[in-house]
Amino acid sequence: MKSVTVLTLLLILLNTCLSQPIPNDSLYLAQPRPGDSAVVFAPGLISLPGRNEVCITFSPDGKTVFYSIEFFPSPGVPFIMHSEYKNNKWSKLDTASFSKTRMSNEPFFSLDGSRLYMSAKQVVNQVGQVDLSRVQKIDSLWGNPVSLGSPPNTTADQYHPCIVSDTSIYFSTSSGLIARCQYHDGVYLPQVVLQYPINYANLTQTWGDPYVSPNESYLILKSTRAGGFGGIDLYISYKKANGTWTNPKNLGSKINSQYDETSGDVTPDGLYMTFGSNKDLKWVSTGFIELLKHTNFVPYLKTQIPNQSDTVGKIYNYIFPDSTFVDDDGNNTLRYSARLSNGNPLPSWLSFDSLARKFSGTPLETGSLSIKVTATDTADISASCTFPLNILQNVSVNPLNEFINDYKLYQNYPNPFNPGTVISYSLLNNSRVVLKVYDLLGKEIATLVNSYQKQGTYEVNLNMNKLNLSSGTYIYSISVTDNRMRNIYRENKIMSYIK
């Protein structure tokens, strides 16, 4: 009985020792804590010359660390290193057992510390695709990577997993986009790609490397965007009440540099962000998360204004939606202005009501305008959108649909004229119509119509002001091919322009 009691006491003592929290001065491999300016993490221990340290993750109890190394020795494949805090000290850094025979990268601890997520190949000798995978801890041993299945995986590679509180997963797709898969009833639902302004900010994606807080209130990502510090920078975005994300903000010069910054992951206690920079791991305090939340958001163009068109002599009215531009500080902070894209003011016939976001006016002549709308916030930061407004000839079909028994080009009216006249023609069948104006030497002056039109009688308004022609005699010519390519009709008429 005495021996049993002693054994029980020893087990209790051992369990108590093992469950003791790690001393604060031993946390994070006993490294001195950073402030609001990023510093190299564990120089000479983890951040070493001649290799590229990428991601690092700590267990929730702080007693285990995993980090990945890429392209070392060159041109080797990524692998994962680890260390554990045992017997009041950190063990020697060594390659993780599951990483010795297969590609594994970008480790990320589950919130309870029982699983390690990563991007990994499922078979040894580097064969096969890269899947989002997990390693299970049983007692004190870690198993081999097991694919999370499909979804979230597809037939392409997936990278950089981040698990949130409900076990849903954010990651980078093979096309460089950030995606999310909801975890529901024990399975992952199909992936959903996050929309602009998180993705699609540029033509060349930069793989995202998402870190999302457990409650999904903010997202840290890497990206290349206007106003950056040189290479790839780290940005932060905040989740809005409607489930969308704010326009990402650059983390600033205390964190970003002329080099590429990647893999911004936050430690389990929420106090520090670790990330890759210039082939080293760095870390910084997370004070920027709350600070940037209350600084100005840059407005952005959400929806391109579509191409616009109108006809000579008809009133043009267009109101672009309030949702065209987004300011995460509130769209009521935006003021609007409009000019031609070359910086010149709008033509005299076209007005813009900035409060109603409304263009209106009656065009007098044909042409094409390139219009630039600018939305400016209270910090005088702006976003813009350029769209074309094409002014066409007034071509109208006879509303009476009178009986038509042939193709016909009518004499213009009035004739002689200054500066405008009307040219009419009839189509027996649905046809391709080309109507042009020439001088007496056969030089083409203008194309009035070049389109497919239905049967009917049409009128075209011609205004000679824009053509800058002298008084004289001109020829207008029509060429018609019916929809079955059987009938071809051509005719010319003479008209007189008196300037």
Protein backbone atom coordinates (compact mmCIF):
# COMPACT_ATOMS: atom_id res chain seq x y z
CA MET A 1 0.00 0.00 0.00
CA LYS A 2 2.84 2.34 0.83
CA SER A 3 4.45 1.82 -2.60
CA VAL A 4 1.15 2.52 -4.35
CA THR A 5 0.78 5.74 -2.42
CA VAL A 6 4.30 6.82 -3.31
CA LEU A 7 3.70 6.01 -6.98
CA THR A 8 0.47 7.99 -6.98
CA LEU A 9 2.19 10.96 -5.43
CA LEU A 10 4.96 10.77 -8.03
CA LEU A 11 2.42 10.72 -10.85
CA ILE A 12 0.60 13.69 -9.39
CA LEU A 13 3.89 15.56 -9.01
CA LEU A 14 4.92 14.68 -12.56
CA ASN A 15 1.57 15.77 -13.97
CA THR A 16 1.75 18.99 -11.98
CA CYS A 17 5.23 19.71 -13.33
CA LEU A 18 4.19 19.00 -16.90
CA SER A 19 1.10 21.20 -16.61
CA GLN A 20 2.98 24.14 -15.18
CA PRO A 21 2.85 27.16 -17.49
CA ILE A 22 6.04 28.17 -19.19
CA PRO A 23 7.79 31.03 -17.37
CA ASN A 24 7.21 34.38 -19.02
CA ASP A 25 10.95 34.95 -19.53
CA SER A 26 11.18 31.63 -21.42
CA LEU A 27 8.28 32.34 -23.80
CA TYR A 28 9.16 32.76 -27.45
CA LEU A 29 12.52 31.03 -27.02
CA ALA A 30 13.41 33.60 -24.36
CA GLN A 31 13.71 36.36 -26.95
CA PRO A 32 13.45 40.02 -25.89
CA ARG A 33 10.03 41.40 -26.79
CA PRO A 34 9.69 43.84 -29.71
CA GLY A 35 7.98 47.21 -29.70
CA ASP A 36 6.09 48.91 -32.55
CA SER A 37 9.09 48.64 -34.91
CA ALA A 38 9.80 45.21 -36.38
CA VAL A 39 13.01 43.44 -35.39
CA VAL A 40 14.58 40.13 -36.43
CA PHE A 41 13.27 37.20 -34.42
CA ALA A 42 15.85 35.00 -32.68
CA PRO A 43 18.91 36.11 -34.71
CA GLY A 44 21.62 33.46 -34.71
CA LEU A 45 19.16 30.85 -33.46
CA ILE A 46 16.25 30.71 -35.91
CA SER A 47 16.99 33.59 -38.30
CA LEU A 48 20.25 32.47 -39.84
CA PRO A 49 22.18 33.65 -42.90
CA GLY A 50 22.10 31.59 -46.08
CA ARG A 51 18.51 30.40 -45.83
CA ASN A 52 14.95 31.72 -45.99
CA GLU A 53 12.84 31.38 -42.85
CA VAL A 54 9.19 31.81 -43.79
CA CYS A 55 6.49 31.07 -41.19
CA ILE A 56 6.55 30.47 -37.44
CA THR A 57 3.76 29.31 -35.14
CA PHE A 58 3.58 28.80 -31.37
CA SER A 59 1.28 26.45 -29.50
CA PRO A 60 -1.39 28.09 -27.32
CA ASP A 61 0.51 27.10 -24.16
CA GLY A 62 3.73 28.56 -25.59
CA LYS A 63 5.67 25.33 -25.13
CA THR A 64 6.05 24.24 -28.75
CA VAL A 65 7.28 26.11 -31.80
CA PHE A 66 7.28 25.10 -35.47
CA TYR A 67 8.71 27.17 -38.28
CA SER A 68 9.39 26.54 -41.96
CA ILE A 69 12.41 27.07 -44.16
CA GLU A 70 12.24 27.45 -47.92
CA PHE A 71 14.91 26.64 -50.48
CA PHE A 72 17.61 25.49 -48.10
CA PRO A 73 19.86 23.97 -49.17
CA SER A 74 19.18 25.48 -52.58
CA PRO A 75 17.30 24.34 -54.56
CA GLY A 76 15.77 22.17 -51.85
CA VAL A 77 12.12 21.94 -50.92
CA PRO A 78 10.44 23.59 -47.91
CA PHE A 79 10.59 21.79 -44.59
CA ILE A 80 9.52 22.42 -41.00
CA MET A 81 11.69 22.72 -37.88
CA HIS A 82 10.51 22.52 -34.27
CA SER A 83 11.48 22.77 -30.61
CA GLU A 84 9.69 22.07 -27.32
CA TYR A 85 10.03 23.50 -23.84
CA LYS A 86 10.83 20.59 -21.52
CA ASN A 87 12.60 20.33 -18.20
CA ASN A 88 12.78 24.10 -17.93
CA LYS A 89 14.55 24.59 -21.23
CA TRP A 90 13.97 24.59 -24.97
CA SER A 91 15.04 21.45 -26.84
CA LYS A 92 17.49 21.58 -29.70
CA LEU A 93 15.95 22.87 -32.93
CA ASP A 94 15.45 19.93 -35.27
CA THR A 95 13.55 18.93 -38.39
CA ALA A 96 10.04 17.75 -37.54
CA SER A 97 9.66 13.99 -37.98
CA PHE A 98 6.82 14.36 -40.52
CA SER A 99 8.86 16.82 -42.58
CA LYS A 100 11.99 14.71 -43.15
CA THR A 101 10.75 12.85 -46.23
CA ARG A 102 8.15 15.14 -47.76
CA MET A 103 7.54 18.77 -48.63
CA SER A 104 5.83 20.62 -45.77
CA ASN A 105 5.51 24.34 -45.19
CA GLU A 106 3.61 27.17 -43.48
CA PRO A 107 2.67 25.55 -40.13
CA PHE A 108 -0.29 26.89 -38.15
CA PHE A 109 -1.49 25.64 -34.74
CA SER A 110 -5.15 24.87 -34.06
CA LEU A 111 -6.64 26.97 -31.29
CA ASP A 112 -6.53 24.06 -28.82
CA GLY A 113 -2.98 23.04 -29.78
CA SER A 114 -3.93 19.45 -30.67
CA ARG A 115 -3.41 19.84 -34.42
CA LEU A 116 -0.87 21.46 -36.67
CA TYR A 117 -2.10 22.65 -40.07
CA MET A 118 0.22 23.18 -43.03
CA SER A 119 0.63 22.95 -46.79
CA ALA A 120 2.19 19.57 -47.53
CA LYS A 121 2.53 16.75 -50.01
CA GLN A 122 0.84 13.57 -48.88
CA VAL A 123 3.50 11.16 -50.10
CA VAL A 124 7.24 10.94 -49.62
CA ASN A 125 9.90 11.89 -52.16
CA GLN A 126 8.04 15.08 -53.09
CA VAL A 127 5.52 13.43 -55.44
CA GLY A 128 2.01 14.79 -55.89
CA GLN A 129 0.24 18.08 -55.33
CA VAL A 130 0.40 20.38 -52.32
CA ASP A 131 -2.69 20.01 -50.12
CA LEU A 132 -3.94 21.85 -47.09
CA SER A 133 -3.17 19.23 -44.44
CA ARG A 134 -3.15 18.55 -40.72
CA VAL A 135 -0.95 16.63 -38.31
CA GLN A 136 -2.55 15.20 -35.17
CA LYS A 137 -0.78 15.11 -31.83
CA ILE A 138 -1.31 11.87 -29.89
CA ASP A 139 0.19 11.96 -26.42
CA SER A 140 3.54 13.63 -27.13
CA LEU A 141 3.99 12.45 -30.72
CA TRP A 142 3.00 14.06 -33.98
CA GLY A 143 1.71 11.91 -36.84
CA ASN A 144 2.12 12.35 -40.60
CA PRO A 145 0.27 14.98 -42.69
CA VAL A 146 -3.28 14.06 -43.67
CA SER A 147 -5.04 15.99 -46.42
CA LEU A 148 -8.09 18.01 -45.40
CA GLY A 149 -9.81 16.55 -48.47
CA SER A 150 -11.84 18.27 -51.15
CA PRO A 151 -12.98 20.86 -50.37
CA PRO A 152 -10.99 22.84 -49.34
CA ASN A 153 -8.45 21.21 -51.65
CA THR A 154 -8.86 20.94 -55.41
CA THR A 155 -6.79 19.33 -58.15
CA ALA A 156 -4.43 22.33 -57.89
CA ASP A 157 -2.03 23.28 -55.07
CA GLN A 158 -3.26 25.19 -52.01
CA TYR A 159 -1.15 27.14 -49.51
CA HIS A 160 -0.95 28.93 -46.15
CA PRO A 161 -3.85 27.63 -44.04
CA CYS A 162 -5.33 29.70 -41.23
CA ILE A 163 -7.95 28.16 -38.93
CA VAL A 164 -10.50 30.35 -37.12
CA SER A 165 -12.68 29.65 -34.08
CA ASP A 166 -15.36 27.55 -35.82
CA THR A 167 -12.66 25.52 -37.67
CA SER A 168 -13.39 27.30 -40.97
CA ILE A 169 -10.25 27.82 -43.01
CA TYR A 170 -8.70 30.68 -44.96
CA PHE A 171 -5.90 29.96 -47.44
CA SER A 172 -4.18 30.91 -50.71
CA THR A 173 -5.33 29.21 -53.90
CA SER A 174 -3.06 28.07 -56.73
CA SER A 175 -3.99 31.24 -58.65
CA GLY A 176 -2.79 33.48 -55.81
CA LEU A 177 -6.21 34.40 -54.42
CA ILE A 178 -7.37 34.32 -50.81
CA ALA A 179 -10.27 31.92 -50.28
CA ARG A 180 -12.37 30.68 -47.38
CA CYS A 181 -14.12 27.35 -46.71
CA GLN A 182 -16.83 27.23 -44.09
CA TYR A 183 -16.68 24.24 -41.72
CA HIS A 184 -20.17 22.78 -41.25
CA ASP A 185 -21.37 19.51 -39.75
CA GLY A 186 -17.90 17.99 -39.82
CA VAL A 187 -17.08 18.87 -43.44
CA TYR A 188 -15.75 21.82 -45.38
CA LEU A 189 -18.10 23.56 -47.82
CA PRO A 190 -16.85 24.63 -51.29
CA GLN A 191 -14.29 27.42 -51.30
CA VAL A 192 -15.41 31.03 -51.66
CA VAL A 193 -12.88 33.51 -53.09
CA LEU A 194 -12.86 36.82 -51.24
CA GLN A 195 -13.85 39.67 -53.50
CA TYR A 196 -12.27 43.05 -54.24
CA PRO A 197 -10.71 44.91 -52.50
CA ILE A 198 -9.06 41.88 -50.84
CA ASN A 199 -8.34 40.09 -54.11
CA TYR A 200 -7.96 41.52 -57.64
CA ALA A 201 -6.13 44.67 -56.55
CA ASN A 202 -3.58 44.14 -59.33
CA LEU A 203 -3.02 41.99 -62.39
CA THR A 204 -0.38 39.82 -60.73
CA GLN A 205 -1.56 38.07 -57.58
CA THR A 206 0.88 37.66 -54.70
CA TRP A 207 -0.51 34.56 -52.96
CA GLY A 208 -2.17 36.41 -50.10
CA ASP A 209 -0.74 34.51 -47.09
CA PRO A 210 -3.86 35.22 -45.03
CA TYR A 211 -3.93 35.44 -41.27
CA VAL A 212 -7.46 35.92 -39.91
CA SER A 213 -8.12 36.50 -36.21
CA PRO A 214 -10.02 33.68 -34.46
CA ASN A 215 -13.23 35.76 -34.35
CA GLU A 216 -12.68 36.89 -37.98
CA SER A 217 -12.66 40.57 -37.04
CA TYR A 218 -9.52 41.39 -39.03
CA LEU A 219 -7.40 39.94 -41.83
CA ILE A 220 -3.68 40.40 -42.45
CA LEU A 221 -2.48 39.70 -45.99
CA LYS A 222 0.45 40.34 -48.27
CA SER A 223 -0.08 42.22 -51.51
CA THR A 224 1.42 44.56 -54.08
CA ARG A 225 -0.63 47.75 -54.29
CA ALA A 226 -0.20 51.39 -55.15
CA GLY A 227 1.65 53.36 -52.50
CA GLY A 228 3.66 50.43 -51.17
CA PHE A 229 7.24 50.48 -49.95
CA GLY A 230 8.89 48.60 -52.80
CA GLY A 231 8.21 44.89 -52.92
CA ILE A 232 5.39 42.89 -51.40
CA ASP A 233 3.92 44.59 -48.32
CA LEU A 234 1.71 43.50 -45.45
CA TYR A 235 -1.79 44.99 -45.16
CA ILE A 236 -4.68 44.78 -42.73
CA SER A 237 -8.40 44.70 -43.46
CA TYR A 238 -11.34 44.73 -41.03
CA LYS A 239 -14.58 42.82 -41.36
CA LYS A 240 -17.68 45.00 -41.72
CA ALA A 241 -21.14 44.35 -40.34
CA ASN A 242 -22.38 43.18 -43.75
CA GLY A 243 -19.68 40.49 -43.92
CA THR A 244 -17.47 42.27 -46.47
CA TRP A 245 -13.95 43.54 -45.80
CA THR A 246 -12.60 47.07 -45.68
CA ASN A 247 -10.07 48.46 -48.13
CA PRO A 248 -6.73 47.04 -46.84
CA LYS A 249 -4.36 49.47 -45.13
CA ASN A 250 -0.59 49.25 -45.46
CA LEU A 251 1.05 48.39 -42.12
CA GLY A 252 3.53 51.20 -42.61
CA SER A 253 7.28 51.75 -42.68
CA LYS A 254 7.90 50.37 -39.19
CA ILE A 255 6.94 46.95 -40.55
CA ASN A 256 7.18 47.04 -44.34
CA SER A 257 10.40 47.74 -46.21
CA GLN A 258 11.94 47.72 -49.66
CA TYR A 259 12.04 43.93 -49.41
CA ASP A 260 9.19 41.43 -49.62
CA GLU A 261 7.18 41.06 -46.42
CA THR A 262 5.18 37.82 -46.18
CA SER A 263 3.27 35.48 -43.86
CA GLY A 264 2.06 37.87 -41.20
CA ASP A 265 0.81 35.57 -38.40
CA VAL A 266 -0.27 36.65 -34.93
CA THR A 267 0.85 34.76 -31.81
CA PRO A 268 -1.83 32.92 -29.74
CA ASP A 269 -1.79 35.60 -27.03
CA GLY A 270 -2.47 38.25 -29.67
CA LEU A 271 0.49 40.36 -28.57
CA TYR A 272 2.90 39.96 -31.50
CA MET A 273 2.89 39.50 -35.24
CA THR A 274 5.60 37.36 -36.83
CA PHE A 275 6.40 37.59 -40.53
CA GLY A 276 9.06 36.96 -43.14
CA SER A 277 11.25 39.79 -44.39
CA ASN A 278 14.49 39.75 -46.39
CA LYS A 279 14.86 35.97 -45.79
CA ASP A 280 14.59 36.34 -42.00
CA LEU A 281 11.75 36.05 -39.54
CA LYS A 282 10.76 39.29 -37.83
CA TRP A 283 8.25 40.22 -35.19
CA VAL A 284 6.53 43.32 -33.88
CA SER A 285 3.92 44.24 -31.29
CA THR A 286 0.32 44.18 -32.49
CA GLY A 287 -0.59 47.68 -31.37
CA PHE A 288 -1.07 48.60 -35.03
CA ILE A 289 -4.23 46.44 -35.22
CA GLU A 290 -6.33 48.75 -33.06
CA LEU A 291 -4.47 51.89 -34.15
CA LEU A 292 -5.07 51.45 -37.90
CA LYS A 293 -8.71 50.59 -37.32
CA HIS A 294 -9.30 54.24 -36.43
CA THR A 295 -7.29 55.95 -39.18
CA ASN A 296 -8.73 57.09 -42.51
CA PHE A 297 -9.79 54.44 -45.02
CA VAL A 298 -8.89 55.18 -48.64
CA PRO A 299 -11.97 55.23 -50.92
CA TYR A 300 -11.97 52.88 -53.88
CA LEU A 301 -13.86 52.16 -57.08
CA LYS A 302 -16.11 49.14 -56.56
CA THR A 303 -18.11 49.06 -59.81
CA GLN A 304 -16.94 50.44 -63.15
CA ILE A 305 -19.35 52.94 -64.71
CA PRO A 306 -20.54 51.24 -67.92
CA ASN A 307 -20.00 52.66 -71.39
CA GLN A 308 -22.56 55.35 -72.17
CA SER A 309 -24.16 56.43 -75.46
CA ASP A 310 -26.66 59.02 -76.63
CA THR A 311 -27.84 60.53 -79.89
CA VAL A 312 -27.62 64.03 -81.31
CA GLY A 313 -30.57 66.17 -80.29
CA LYS A 314 -31.82 63.87 -77.54
CA ILE A 315 -31.63 64.63 -73.82
CA TYR A 316 -28.95 62.62 -72.00
CA ASN A 317 -29.50 61.79 -68.33
CA TYR A 318 -27.41 59.39 -66.26
CA ILE A 319 -27.06 58.94 -62.50
CA PHE A 320 -24.30 56.61 -61.39
CA PRO A 321 -25.17 54.57 -58.27
CA ASP A 322 -24.04 55.50 -54.78
CA SER A 323 -22.37 52.06 -54.63
CA THR A 324 -19.98 52.90 -57.50
CA PHE A 325 -17.36 54.11 -55.02
CA VAL A 326 -16.88 52.82 -51.47
CA ASP A 327 -15.47 54.70 -48.51
CA ASP A 328 -15.27 52.46 -45.45
CA ASP A 329 -15.54 55.59 -43.31
CA GLY A 330 -19.04 56.02 -44.82
CA ASN A 331 -20.09 56.98 -48.34
CA ASN A 332 -21.58 60.24 -47.05
CA THR A 333 -17.99 61.44 -46.65
CA LEU A 334 -17.43 61.47 -50.41
CA ARG A 335 -17.73 64.47 -52.70
CA TYR A 336 -17.77 64.02 -56.47
CA SER A 337 -16.43 65.90 -59.45
CA ALA A 338 -16.29 65.22 -63.19
CA ARG A 339 -14.04 66.39 -66.02
CA LEU A 340 -12.79 64.99 -69.27
CA SER A 341 -10.03 62.44 -68.78
CA ASN A 342 -7.48 64.83 -70.33
CA GLY A 343 -8.19 67.32 -67.54
CA ASN A 344 -10.37 69.69 -69.57
CA PRO A 345 -13.82 70.70 -68.34
CA LEU A 346 -16.92 68.95 -69.62
CA PRO A 347 -18.37 70.36 -72.88
CA SER A 348 -20.81 73.22 -72.43
CA TRP A 349 -23.86 71.10 -73.24
CA LEU A 350 -23.10 68.53 -70.50
CA SER A 351 -23.64 69.38 -66.83
CA PHE A 352 -22.83 67.35 -63.72
CA ASP A 353 -24.76 67.60 -60.45
CA SER A 354 -22.24 66.42 -57.86
CA LEU A 355 -24.82 65.99 -55.09
CA ALA A 356 -27.16 63.87 -57.21
CA ARG A 357 -24.28 62.20 -59.11
CA LYS A 358 -26.18 63.11 -62.29
CA PHE A 359 -25.03 63.94 -65.82
CA SER A 360 -27.50 65.75 -68.09
CA GLY A 361 -27.61 67.69 -71.33
CA THR A 362 -28.49 67.59 -75.02
CA PRO A 363 -25.61 66.81 -77.39
CA LEU A 364 -25.41 68.89 -80.55
CA GLU A 365 -22.99 66.78 -82.57
CA THR A 366 -21.53 63.33 -82.85
CA GLY A 367 -18.31 62.37 -81.11
CA SER A 368 -16.82 60.41 -78.24
CA LEU A 369 -16.04 61.82 -74.81
CA SER A 370 -13.81 60.22 -72.19
CA ILE A 371 -15.18 61.30 -68.82
CA LYS A 372 -13.39 60.96 -65.49
CA VAL A 373 -15.38 60.92 -62.25
CA THR A 374 -13.45 61.51 -59.03
CA ALA A 375 -14.65 60.67 -55.52
CA THR A 376 -12.77 62.47 -52.74
CA ASP A 377 -13.06 61.83 -49.01
CA THR A 378 -12.71 64.25 -46.10
CA ALA A 379 -8.95 63.59 -45.96
CA ASP A 380 -8.67 64.74 -49.60
CA ILE A 381 -7.80 61.22 -50.76
CA SER A 382 -9.56 60.21 -53.95
CA ALA A 383 -10.46 57.37 -56.28
CA SER A 384 -11.55 57.79 -59.88
CA CYS A 385 -13.35 56.07 -62.73
CA THR A 386 -13.12 56.82 -66.46
CA PHE A 387 -15.86 55.89 -68.90
CA PRO A 388 -16.70 56.74 -72.55
CA LEU A 389 -19.77 58.65 -73.69
CA ASN A 390 -20.40 58.09 -77.41
CA ILE A 391 -22.68 60.54 -79.22
CA LEU A 392 -24.28 58.97 -82.31
CA GLN A 393 -26.38 60.23 -85.16
CA ASN A 394 -30.09 60.30 -84.49
CA VAL A 395 -31.26 57.25 -86.43
CA SER A 396 -34.97 56.58 -85.93
CA VAL A 397 -37.30 53.99 -87.43
CA ASN A 398 -40.66 55.01 -88.86
CA PRO A 399 -43.09 54.38 -85.99
CA LEU A 400 -46.03 53.94 -88.38
CA ASN A 401 -44.33 50.93 -90.00
CA GLU A 402 -45.80 51.92 -93.36
CA PHE A 403 -45.91 49.35 -96.13
CA ILE A 404 -42.45 48.95 -97.63
CA ASN A 405 -42.08 47.14 -100.93
CA ASP A 406 -38.44 47.90 -101.75
CA TYR A 407 -35.13 49.32 -100.57
CA LYS A 408 -34.99 53.08 -101.04
CA LEU A 409 -32.72 56.06 -100.28
CA TYR A 410 -34.66 59.33 -100.07
CA GLN A 411 -33.54 62.85 -100.87
CA ASN A 412 -32.33 64.65 -97.79
CA TYR A 413 -34.48 67.42 -96.32
CA PRO A 414 -33.97 70.31 -96.22
CA ASN A 415 -31.75 70.64 -99.23
CA PRO A 416 -29.82 72.96 -99.52
CA PHE A 417 -29.15 73.04 -95.74
CA ASN A 418 -27.10 74.72 -92.99
CA PRO A 419 -25.90 73.13 -90.80
CA GLY A 420 -28.25 70.16 -90.38
CA THR A 421 -30.33 67.94 -92.62
CA VAL A 422 -32.20 64.62 -92.39
CA ILE A 423 -31.42 61.58 -94.55
CA SER A 424 -34.08 58.84 -94.77
CA TYR A 425 -34.06 55.31 -96.18
CA SER A 426 -36.26 52.20 -96.20
CA LEU A 427 -35.30 48.57 -95.71
CA LEU A 428 -37.38 45.77 -97.23
CA ASN A 429 -35.77 43.13 -94.99
CA ASN A 430 -33.53 42.99 -91.94
CA SER A 431 -30.22 44.14 -93.35
CA ARG A 432 -26.67 45.30 -92.84
CA VAL A 433 -26.60 49.05 -93.62
CA VAL A 434 -23.64 51.30 -94.41
CA LEU A 435 -24.39 55.00 -94.98
CA LYS A 436 -21.50 57.35 -95.81
CA VAL A 437 -20.83 60.90 -96.98
CA TYR A 438 -18.28 61.72 -99.73
CA ASP A 439 -17.06 64.85 -101.49
CA LEU A 440 -17.26 65.15 -105.28
CA LEU A 441 -13.76 63.68 -105.63
CA GLY A 442 -14.87 60.48 -103.89
CA LYS A 443 -13.08 61.18 -100.59
CA GLU A 444 -14.95 59.72 -97.63
CA ILE A 445 -16.10 62.45 -95.23
CA ALA A 446 -18.08 60.58 -92.59
CA THR A 447 -19.73 57.25 -91.76
CA LEU A 448 -23.26 57.87 -90.53
CA VAL A 449 -24.44 54.27 -90.17
CA ASN A 450 -22.62 50.94 -90.06
CA SER A 451 -24.87 48.44 -88.33
CA TYR A 452 -27.42 45.66 -88.63
CA GLN A 453 -30.98 47.03 -88.69
CA LYS A 454 -34.48 45.59 -88.85
CA GLN A 455 -36.99 46.19 -91.64
CA GLY A 456 -38.40 49.70 -91.59
CA THR A 457 -37.89 53.33 -92.52
CA TYR A 458 -35.06 55.19 -90.81
CA GLU A 459 -33.99 58.82 -90.37
CA VAL A 460 -30.45 60.04 -89.73
CA ASN A 461 -29.64 63.57 -88.56
CA LEU A 462 -26.50 64.99 -90.16
CA ASN A 463 -24.87 68.06 -88.65
CA MET A 464 -22.00 69.47 -90.72
CA ASN A 465 -20.60 71.78 -88.01
CA LYS A 466 -18.21 69.20 -86.63
CA LEU A 467 -16.92 68.16 -90.05
CA ASN A 468 -15.45 71.65 -90.64
CA LEU A 469 -16.31 71.59 -94.35
CA SER A 470 -16.73 74.42 -96.77
CA SER A 471 -19.93 75.08 -98.67
CA GLY A 472 -20.44 72.81 -101.63
CA THR A 473 -22.00 69.73 -103.11
CA TYR A 474 -21.62 66.37 -101.38
CA ILE A 475 -22.70 62.81 -102.03
CA TYR A 476 -24.34 60.47 -99.52
CA SER A 477 -24.29 56.80 -100.40
CA ILE A 478 -26.04 53.74 -98.98
CA SER A 479 -25.04 50.10 -99.29
CA VAL A 480 -27.50 47.46 -98.03
CA THR A 481 -27.06 43.69 -97.77
CA ASP A 482 -30.10 41.78 -96.54
CA ASN A 483 -29.86 39.20 -93.77
CA ARG A 484 -29.74 36.29 -96.21
CA MET A 485 -26.96 37.86 -98.32
CA ARG A 486 -29.19 37.63 -101.39
CA ASN A 487 -30.16 41.21 -102.15
CA ILE A 488 -27.64 44.02 -102.42
CA TYR A 489 -28.90 47.57 -102.80
CA ARG A 490 -26.73 50.60 -103.48
CA GLU A 491 -27.74 54.17 -104.23
CA ASN A 492 -26.23 57.66 -104.15
CA LYS A 493 -27.82 61.09 -103.70
CA ILE A 494 -26.45 64.60 -104.01
CA MET A 495 -26.95 67.29 -101.37
CA SER A 496 -25.91 70.93 -101.09
CA TYR A 497 -24.37 72.45 -97.98
CA ILE A 498 -24.50 76.26 -97.71
CA LYS A 499 -22.26 77.54 -94.93
